[in-house]
Amino acid sequence: MELIEQYEQTKRGLFSGTIGYVKPGGDFDFNVVIRSIFYNETDKYLSFQTGGGITYNSNPVLEYEESLLKASAMMKVLE
């Protein structure tokens, strides 16, 4: 976590997992957060993040290409 804080330019914020709600009657709705686009209307700031599970045997070039592939759909929507 210290290295993430040191090297990443932005805070991760809501990055993975689910977000949703449960109504008093038991009805619920949840969505997977990964590969989501976030918009802050007050600041007029739009963001999304991609990433992967980097291990000792990871190839940095392939990991970077995978991140670009994951971002490509969101970039296409934003064009």
PDB file of N, CA and C in Angstrom:
ATOM      1  N   MET A   1       0.817  -1.180   0.000  1.00  0.00           N
ATOM      2  CA  MET A   1       0.000   0.000   0.000  1.00  0.00           C
ATOM      3  C   MET A   1       0.870   1.256   0.000  1.00  0.00           C
ATOM      4  N   GLU A   2       2.003   1.197   0.665  1.00  0.00           N
ATOM      5  CA  GLU A   2       2.904   2.357   0.663  1.00  0.00           C
ATOM      6  C   GLU A   2       3.435   2.625  -0.738  1.00  0.00           C
ATOM      7  N   LEU A   3       3.751   1.569  -1.490  1.00  0.00           N
ATOM      8  CA  LEU A   3       4.248   1.752  -2.852  1.00  0.00           C
ATOM      9  C   LEU A   3       3.147   2.294  -3.763  1.00  0.00           C
ATOM     10  N   ILE A   4       1.930   1.816  -3.581  1.00  0.00           N
ATOM     11  CA  ILE A   4       0.809   2.341  -4.368  1.00  0.00           C
ATOM     12  C   ILE A   4       0.665   3.832  -4.109  1.00  0.00           C
ATOM     13  N   GLU A   5       0.713   4.211  -2.838  1.00  0.00           N
ATOM     14  CA  GLU A   5       0.591   5.624  -2.476  1.00  0.00           C
ATOM     15  C   GLU A   5       1.723   6.442  -3.090  1.00  0.00           C
ATOM     16  N   GLN A   6       2.893   5.856  -3.150  1.00  0.00           N
ATOM     17  CA  GLN A   6       4.070   6.568  -3.658  1.00  0.00           C
ATOM     18  C   GLN A   6       4.047   6.718  -5.184  1.00  0.00           C
ATOM     19  N   TYR A   7       3.637   5.677  -5.892  1.00  0.00           N
ATOM     20  CA  TYR A   7       3.801   5.673  -7.348  1.00  0.00           C
ATOM     21  C   TYR A   7       2.554   6.012  -8.164  1.00  0.00           C
ATOM     22  N   GLU A   8       1.381   5.782  -7.640  1.00  0.00           N
ATOM     23  CA  GLU A   8       0.180   6.062  -8.428  1.00  0.00           C
ATOM     24  C   GLU A   8      -0.192   7.531  -8.316  1.00  0.00           C
ATOM     25  N   GLN A   9      -0.566   8.119  -9.441  1.00  0.00           N
ATOM     26  CA  GLN A   9      -0.841   9.556  -9.498  1.00  0.00           C
ATOM     27  C   GLN A   9      -2.196   9.925  -8.898  1.00  0.00           C
ATOM     28  N   THR A  10      -3.146   8.993  -8.893  1.00  0.00           N
ATOM     29  CA  THR A  10      -4.473   9.298  -8.363  1.00  0.00           C
ATOM     30  C   THR A  10      -4.857   8.250  -7.321  1.00  0.00           C
ATOM     31  N   LYS A  11      -5.779   8.621  -6.464  1.00  0.00           N
ATOM     32  CA  LYS A  11      -6.307   7.687  -5.467  1.00  0.00           C
ATOM     33  C   LYS A  11      -7.186   6.664  -6.179  1.00  0.00           C
ATOM     34  N   ARG A  12      -7.168   5.447  -5.716  1.00  0.00           N
ATOM     35  CA  ARG A  12      -7.978   4.407  -6.346  1.00  0.00           C
ATOM     36  C   ARG A  12      -9.461   4.610  -6.093  1.00  0.00           C
ATOM     37  N   GLY A  13      -9.818   5.041  -4.919  1.00  0.00           N
ATOM     38  CA  GLY A  13     -11.230   5.231  -4.629  1.00  0.00           C
ATOM     39  C   GLY A  13     -11.989   3.934  -4.794  1.00  0.00           C
ATOM     40  N   LEU A  14     -13.188   4.026  -5.339  1.00  0.00           N
ATOM     41  CA  LEU A  14     -14.010   2.861  -5.575  1.00  0.00           C
ATOM     42  C   LEU A  14     -13.472   2.159  -6.808  1.00  0.00           C
ATOM     43  N   PHE A  15     -12.846   1.008  -6.639  1.00  0.00           N
ATOM     44  CA  PHE A  15     -12.112   0.370  -7.726  1.00  0.00           C
ATOM     45  C   PHE A  15     -12.666  -0.998  -8.100  1.00  0.00           C
ATOM     46  N   SER A  16     -13.062  -1.798  -7.129  1.00  0.00           N
ATOM     47  CA  SER A  16     -13.577  -3.132  -7.443  1.00  0.00           C
ATOM     48  C   SER A  16     -14.557  -3.567  -6.363  1.00  0.00           C
ATOM     49  N   GLY A  17     -15.218  -4.666  -6.614  1.00  0.00           N
ATOM     50  CA  GLY A  17     -16.231  -5.140  -5.693  1.00  0.00           C
ATOM     51  C   GLY A  17     -17.606  -4.822  -6.228  1.00  0.00           C
ATOM     52  N   THR A  18     -18.560  -4.591  -5.326  1.00  0.00           N
ATOM     53  CA  THR A  18     -19.916  -4.269  -5.743  1.00  0.00           C
ATOM     54  C   THR A  18     -20.418  -3.057  -4.971  1.00  0.00           C
ATOM     55  N   ILE A  19     -21.403  -2.418  -5.546  1.00  0.00           N
ATOM     56  CA  ILE A  19     -22.074  -1.311  -4.879  1.00  0.00           C
ATOM     57  C   ILE A  19     -23.564  -1.489  -5.149  1.00  0.00           C
ATOM     58  N   GLY A  20     -24.372  -1.168  -4.174  1.00  0.00           N
ATOM     59  CA  GLY A  20     -25.791  -1.335  -4.371  1.00  0.00           C
ATOM     60  C   GLY A  20     -26.583  -0.979  -3.136  1.00  0.00           C
ATOM     61  N   TYR A  21     -27.832  -1.471  -3.091  1.00  0.00           N
ATOM     62  CA  TYR A  21     -28.713  -1.161  -1.974  1.00  0.00           C
ATOM     63  C   TYR A  21     -29.642  -2.336  -1.704  1.00  0.00           C
ATOM     64  N   VAL A  22     -30.155  -2.378  -0.477  1.00  0.00           N
ATOM     65  CA  VAL A  22     -31.167  -3.349  -0.077  1.00  0.00           C
ATOM     66  C   VAL A  22     -32.346  -2.553   0.473  1.00  0.00           C
ATOM     67  N   LYS A  23     -33.534  -2.786  -0.050  1.00  0.00           N
ATOM     68  CA  LYS A  23     -34.738  -2.099   0.413  1.00  0.00           C
ATOM     69  C   LYS A  23     -35.291  -2.802   1.656  1.00  0.00           C
ATOM     70  N   PRO A  24     -36.060  -2.100   2.472  1.00  0.00           N
ATOM     71  CA  PRO A  24     -36.623  -2.717   3.682  1.00  0.00           C
ATOM     72  C   PRO A  24     -37.417  -3.997   3.417  1.00  0.00           C
ATOM     73  N   GLY A  25     -38.082  -4.101   2.281  1.00  0.00           N
ATOM     74  CA  GLY A  25     -38.848  -5.300   1.947  1.00  0.00           C
ATOM     75  C   GLY A  25     -38.001  -6.474   1.488  1.00  0.00           C
ATOM     76  N   GLY A  26     -36.698  -6.277   1.368  1.00  0.00           N
ATOM     77  CA  GLY A  26     -35.799  -7.350   0.951  1.00  0.00           C
ATOM     78  C   GLY A  26     -35.378  -7.280  -0.503  1.00  0.00           C
ATOM     79  N   ASP A  27     -35.993  -6.401  -1.290  1.00  0.00           N
ATOM     80  CA  ASP A  27     -35.567  -6.228  -2.682  1.00  0.00           C
ATOM     81  C   ASP A  27     -34.190  -5.570  -2.683  1.00  0.00           C
ATOM     82  N   PHE A  28     -33.377  -5.903  -3.652  1.00  0.00           N
ATOM     83  CA  PHE A  28     -32.023  -5.352  -3.699  1.00  0.00           C
ATOM     84  C   PHE A  28     -31.552  -5.187  -5.132  1.00  0.00           C
ATOM     85  N   ASP A  29     -30.515  -4.405  -5.297  1.00  0.00           N
ATOM     86  CA  ASP A  29     -29.898  -4.214  -6.601  1.00  0.00           C
ATOM     87  C   ASP A  29     -28.419  -3.919  -6.385  1.00  0.00           C
ATOM     88  N   PHE A  30     -27.559  -4.717  -6.999  1.00  0.00           N
ATOM     89  CA  PHE A  30     -26.120  -4.531  -6.883  1.00  0.00           C
ATOM     90  C   PHE A  30     -25.492  -4.547  -8.271  1.00  0.00           C
ATOM     91  N   ASN A  31     -24.357  -3.905  -8.401  1.00  0.00           N
ATOM     92  CA  ASN A  31     -23.649  -3.848  -9.671  1.00  0.00           C
ATOM     93  C   ASN A  31     -22.166  -4.057  -9.407  1.00  0.00           C
ATOM     94  N   VAL A  32     -21.500  -4.734 -10.314  1.00  0.00           N
ATOM     95  CA  VAL A  32     -20.054  -4.904 -10.208  1.00  0.00           C
ATOM     96  C   VAL A  32     -19.399  -3.585 -10.582  1.00  0.00           C
ATOM     97  N   VAL A  33     -18.500  -3.109  -9.737  1.00  0.00           N
ATOM     98  CA  VAL A  33     -17.891  -1.789  -9.931  1.00  0.00           C
ATOM     99  C   VAL A  33     -16.757  -1.824 -10.955  1.00  0.00           C
ATOM    100  N   ILE A  34     -16.100  -2.948 -11.114  1.00  0.00           N
ATOM    101  CA  ILE A  34     -14.930  -3.014 -11.997  1.00  0.00           C
ATOM    102  C   ILE A  34     -15.313  -2.559 -13.408  1.00  0.00           C
ATOM    103  N   ARG A  35     -14.431  -1.823 -14.044  1.00  0.00           N
ATOM    104  CA  ARG A  35     -14.630  -1.257 -15.376  1.00  0.00           C
ATOM    105  C   ARG A  35     -15.850  -0.352 -15.435  1.00  0.00           C
ATOM    106  N   SER A  36     -15.967   0.496 -14.433  1.00  0.00           N
ATOM    107  CA  SER A  36     -17.046   1.476 -14.366  1.00  0.00           C
ATOM    108  C   SER A  36     -16.475   2.866 -14.589  1.00  0.00           C
ATOM    109  N   ILE A  37     -17.299   3.742 -15.122  1.00  0.00           N
ATOM    110  CA  ILE A  37     -16.919   5.132 -15.336  1.00  0.00           C
ATOM    111  C   ILE A  37     -17.577   5.963 -14.240  1.00  0.00           C
ATOM    112  N   PHE A  38     -16.800   6.802 -13.593  1.00  0.00           N
ATOM    113  CA  PHE A  38     -17.303   7.640 -12.513  1.00  0.00           C
ATOM    114  C   PHE A  38     -17.275   9.101 -12.942  1.00  0.00           C
ATOM    115  N   TYR A  39     -18.335   9.823 -12.606  1.00  0.00           N
ATOM    116  CA  TYR A  39     -18.418  11.232 -12.952  1.00  0.00           C
ATOM    117  C   TYR A  39     -18.755  12.036 -11.709  1.00  0.00           C
ATOM    118  N   ASN A  40     -17.924  13.035 -11.408  1.00  0.00           N
ATOM    119  CA  ASN A  40     -18.156  13.950 -10.304  1.00  0.00           C
ATOM    120  C   ASN A  40     -18.734  15.224 -10.904  1.00  0.00           C
ATOM    121  N   GLU A  41     -20.036  15.419 -10.739  1.00  0.00           N
ATOM    122  CA  GLU A  41     -20.706  16.556 -11.364  1.00  0.00           C
ATOM    123  C   GLU A  41     -20.214  17.883 -10.796  1.00  0.00           C
ATOM    124  N   THR A  42     -19.941  17.923  -9.506  1.00  0.00           N
ATOM    125  CA  THR A  42     -19.479  19.158  -8.876  1.00  0.00           C
ATOM    126  C   THR A  42     -18.154  19.627  -9.478  1.00  0.00           C
ATOM    127  N   ASP A  43     -17.208  18.692  -9.609  1.00  0.00           N
ATOM    128  CA  ASP A  43     -15.881  19.031 -10.130  1.00  0.00           C
ATOM    129  C   ASP A  43     -15.777  18.888 -11.643  1.00  0.00           C
ATOM    130  N   LYS A  44     -16.848  18.368 -12.283  1.00  0.00           N
ATOM    131  CA  LYS A  44     -16.823  18.090 -13.722  1.00  0.00           C
ATOM    132  C   LYS A  44     -15.629  17.190 -14.071  1.00  0.00           C
ATOM    133  N   TYR A  45     -15.493  16.110 -13.296  1.00  0.00           N
ATOM    134  CA  TYR A  45     -14.347  15.208 -13.418  1.00  0.00           C
ATOM    135  C   TYR A  45     -14.835  13.796 -13.715  1.00  0.00           C
ATOM    136  N   LEU A  46     -14.369  13.204 -14.806  1.00  0.00           N
ATOM    137  CA  LEU A  46     -14.727  11.857 -15.207  1.00  0.00           C
ATOM    138  C   LEU A  46     -13.489  10.974 -15.089  1.00  0.00           C
ATOM    139  N   SER A  47     -13.670   9.752 -14.574  1.00  0.00           N
ATOM    140  CA  SER A  47     -12.511   8.867 -14.429  1.00  0.00           C
ATOM    141  C   SER A  47     -12.925   7.406 -14.523  1.00  0.00           C
ATOM    142  N   PHE A  48     -11.963   6.576 -14.840  1.00  0.00           N
ATOM    143  CA  PHE A  48     -12.092   5.125 -14.748  1.00  0.00           C
ATOM    144  C   PHE A  48     -10.691   4.566 -14.563  1.00  0.00           C
ATOM    145  N   GLN A  49     -10.631   3.353 -14.062  1.00  0.00           N
ATOM    146  CA  GLN A  49      -9.334   2.724 -13.841  1.00  0.00           C
ATOM    147  C   GLN A  49      -9.348   1.305 -14.378  1.00  0.00           C
ATOM    148  N   THR A  50      -8.186   0.833 -14.757  1.00  0.00           N
ATOM    149  CA  THR A  50      -8.009  -0.571 -15.132  1.00  0.00           C
ATOM    150  C   THR A  50      -6.767  -1.074 -14.414  1.00  0.00           C
ATOM    151  N   GLY A  51      -6.585  -2.347 -14.410  1.00  0.00           N
ATOM    152  CA  GLY A  51      -5.401  -2.914 -13.778  1.00  0.00           C
ATOM    153  C   GLY A  51      -5.422  -4.420 -13.912  1.00  0.00           C
ATOM    154  N   GLY A  52      -4.506  -5.041 -13.241  1.00  0.00           N
ATOM    155  CA  GLY A  52      -4.420  -6.495 -13.298  1.00  0.00           C
ATOM    156  C   GLY A  52      -3.721  -7.035 -12.077  1.00  0.00           C
ATOM    157  N   GLY A  53      -3.665  -8.330 -12.001  1.00  0.00           N
ATOM    158  CA  GLY A  53      -2.989  -8.994 -10.892  1.00  0.00           C
ATOM    159  C   GLY A  53      -1.532  -9.241 -11.230  1.00  0.00           C
ATOM    160  N   ILE A  54      -0.661  -8.358 -10.829  1.00  0.00           N
ATOM    161  CA  ILE A  54       0.761  -8.474 -11.157  1.00  0.00           C
ATOM    162  C   ILE A  54       1.446  -9.416 -10.166  1.00  0.00           C
ATOM    163  N   THR A  55       2.187 -10.348 -10.710  1.00  0.00           N
ATOM    164  CA  THR A  55       2.920 -11.317  -9.895  1.00  0.00           C
ATOM    165  C   THR A  55       4.402 -11.259 -10.258  1.00  0.00           C
ATOM    166  N   TYR A  56       5.180 -12.048  -9.568  1.00  0.00           N
ATOM    167  CA  TYR A  56       6.619 -12.111  -9.810  1.00  0.00           C
ATOM    168  C   TYR A  56       6.918 -12.482 -11.269  1.00  0.00           C
ATOM    169  N   ASN A  57       6.104 -13.359 -11.840  1.00  0.00           N
ATOM    170  CA  ASN A  57       6.343 -13.842 -13.208  1.00  0.00           C
ATOM    171  C   ASN A  57       5.671 -12.998 -14.281  1.00  0.00           C
ATOM    172  N   SER A  58       5.047 -11.903 -13.905  1.00  0.00           N
ATOM    173  CA  SER A  58       4.348 -11.061 -14.878  1.00  0.00           C
ATOM    174  C   SER A  58       5.316 -10.428 -15.867  1.00  0.00           C
ATOM    175  N   ASN A  59       4.825 -10.283 -17.092  1.00  0.00           N
ATOM    176  CA  ASN A  59       5.578  -9.587 -18.130  1.00  0.00           C
ATOM    177  C   ASN A  59       5.022  -8.161 -18.196  1.00  0.00           C
ATOM    178  N   PRO A  60       5.840  -7.141 -17.852  1.00  0.00           N
ATOM    179  CA  PRO A  60       5.338  -5.773 -17.799  1.00  0.00           C
ATOM    180  C   PRO A  60       4.683  -5.303 -19.102  1.00  0.00           C
ATOM    181  N   VAL A  61       5.231  -5.669 -20.229  1.00  0.00           N
ATOM    182  CA  VAL A  61       4.666  -5.248 -21.517  1.00  0.00           C
ATOM    183  C   VAL A  61       3.284  -5.865 -21.714  1.00  0.00           C
ATOM    184  N   LEU A  62       3.156  -7.148 -21.412  1.00  0.00           N
ATOM    185  CA  LEU A  62       1.856  -7.814 -21.565  1.00  0.00           C
ATOM    186  C   LEU A  62       0.830  -7.271 -20.571  1.00  0.00           C
ATOM    187  N   GLU A  63       1.272  -6.954 -19.365  1.00  0.00           N
ATOM    188  CA  GLU A  63       0.355  -6.382 -18.366  1.00  0.00           C
ATOM    189  C   GLU A  63      -0.153  -5.017 -18.832  1.00  0.00           C
ATOM    190  N   TYR A  64       0.732  -4.211 -19.395  1.00  0.00           N
ATOM    191  CA  TYR A  64       0.341  -2.895 -19.901  1.00  0.00           C
ATOM    192  C   TYR A  64      -0.654  -3.050 -21.055  1.00  0.00           C
ATOM    193  N   GLU A  65      -0.366  -3.975 -21.976  1.00  0.00           N
ATOM    194  CA  GLU A  65      -1.269  -4.211 -23.109  1.00  0.00           C
ATOM    195  C   GLU A  65      -2.632  -4.698 -22.631  1.00  0.00           C
ATOM    196  N   GLU A  66      -2.654  -5.529 -21.584  1.00  0.00           N
ATOM    197  CA  GLU A  66      -3.922  -6.003 -21.030  1.00  0.00           C
ATOM    198  C   GLU A  66      -4.716  -4.838 -20.435  1.00  0.00           C
ATOM    199  N   SER A  67      -4.037  -3.933 -19.761  1.00  0.00           N
ATOM    200  CA  SER A  67      -4.716  -2.764 -19.194  1.00  0.00           C
ATOM    201  C   SER A  67      -5.317  -1.891 -20.289  1.00  0.00           C
ATOM    202  N   LEU A  68      -4.590  -1.716 -21.392  1.00  0.00           N
ATOM    203  CA  LEU A  68      -5.119  -0.945 -22.516  1.00  0.00           C
ATOM    204  C   LEU A  68      -6.339  -1.630 -23.128  1.00  0.00           C
ATOM    205  N   LEU A  69      -6.287  -2.955 -23.229  1.00  0.00           N
ATOM    206  CA  LEU A  69      -7.424  -3.705 -23.762  1.00  0.00           C
ATOM    207  C   LEU A  69      -8.645  -3.526 -22.868  1.00  0.00           C
ATOM    208  N   LYS A  70      -8.452  -3.603 -21.559  1.00  0.00           N
ATOM    209  CA  LYS A  70      -9.552  -3.424 -20.614  1.00  0.00           C
ATOM    210  C   LYS A  70     -10.137  -2.010 -20.714  1.00  0.00           C
ATOM    211  N   ALA A  71      -9.295  -1.034 -20.985  1.00  0.00           N
ATOM    212  CA  ALA A  71      -9.752   0.359 -21.076  1.00  0.00           C
ATOM    213  C   ALA A  71     -10.392   0.678 -22.425  1.00  0.00           C
ATOM    214  N   SER A  72     -10.159  -0.134 -23.431  1.00  0.00           N
ATOM    215  CA  SER A  72     -10.585   0.194 -24.796  1.00  0.00           C
ATOM    216  C   SER A  72     -12.097   0.375 -24.927  1.00  0.00           C
ATOM    217  N   ALA A  73     -12.895  -0.435 -24.263  1.00  0.00           N
ATOM    218  CA  ALA A  73     -14.352  -0.294 -24.368  1.00  0.00           C
ATOM    219  C   ALA A  73     -14.807   1.033 -23.768  1.00  0.00           C
ATOM    220  N   MET A  74     -14.242   1.394 -22.634  1.00  0.00           N
ATOM    221  CA  MET A  74     -14.629   2.658 -22.006  1.00  0.00           C
ATOM    222  C   MET A  74     -14.167   3.842 -22.861  1.00  0.00           C
ATOM    223  N   MET A  75     -12.995   3.739 -23.428  1.00  0.00           N
ATOM    224  CA  MET A  75     -12.502   4.816 -24.304  1.00  0.00           C
ATOM    225  C   MET A  75     -13.408   4.971 -25.523  1.00  0.00           C
ATOM    226  N   LYS A  76     -13.877   3.846 -26.058  1.00  0.00           N
ATOM    227  CA  LYS A  76     -14.762   3.889 -27.222  1.00  0.00           C
ATOM    228  C   LYS A  76     -16.082   4.587 -26.873  1.00  0.00           C
ATOM    229  N   VAL A  77     -16.625   4.305 -25.704  1.00  0.00           N
ATOM    230  CA  VAL A  77     -17.862   4.947 -25.255  1.00  0.00           C
ATOM    231  C   VAL A  77     -17.672   6.453 -25.092  1.00  0.00           C
ATOM    232  N   LEU A  78     -16.494   6.862 -24.663  1.00  0.00           N
ATOM    233  CA  LEU A  78     -16.237   8.275 -24.370  1.00  0.00           C
ATOM    234  C   LEU A  78     -15.822   9.083 -25.601  1.00  0.00           C
ATOM    235  N   GLU A  79     -15.570   8.431 -26.714  1.00  0.00           N
ATOM    236  CA  GLU A  79     -15.124   9.159 -27.920  1.00  0.00           C
ATOM    237  C   GLU A  79     -16.194  10.062 -28.464  1.00  0.00           C
TER     238      GLU A  79
END
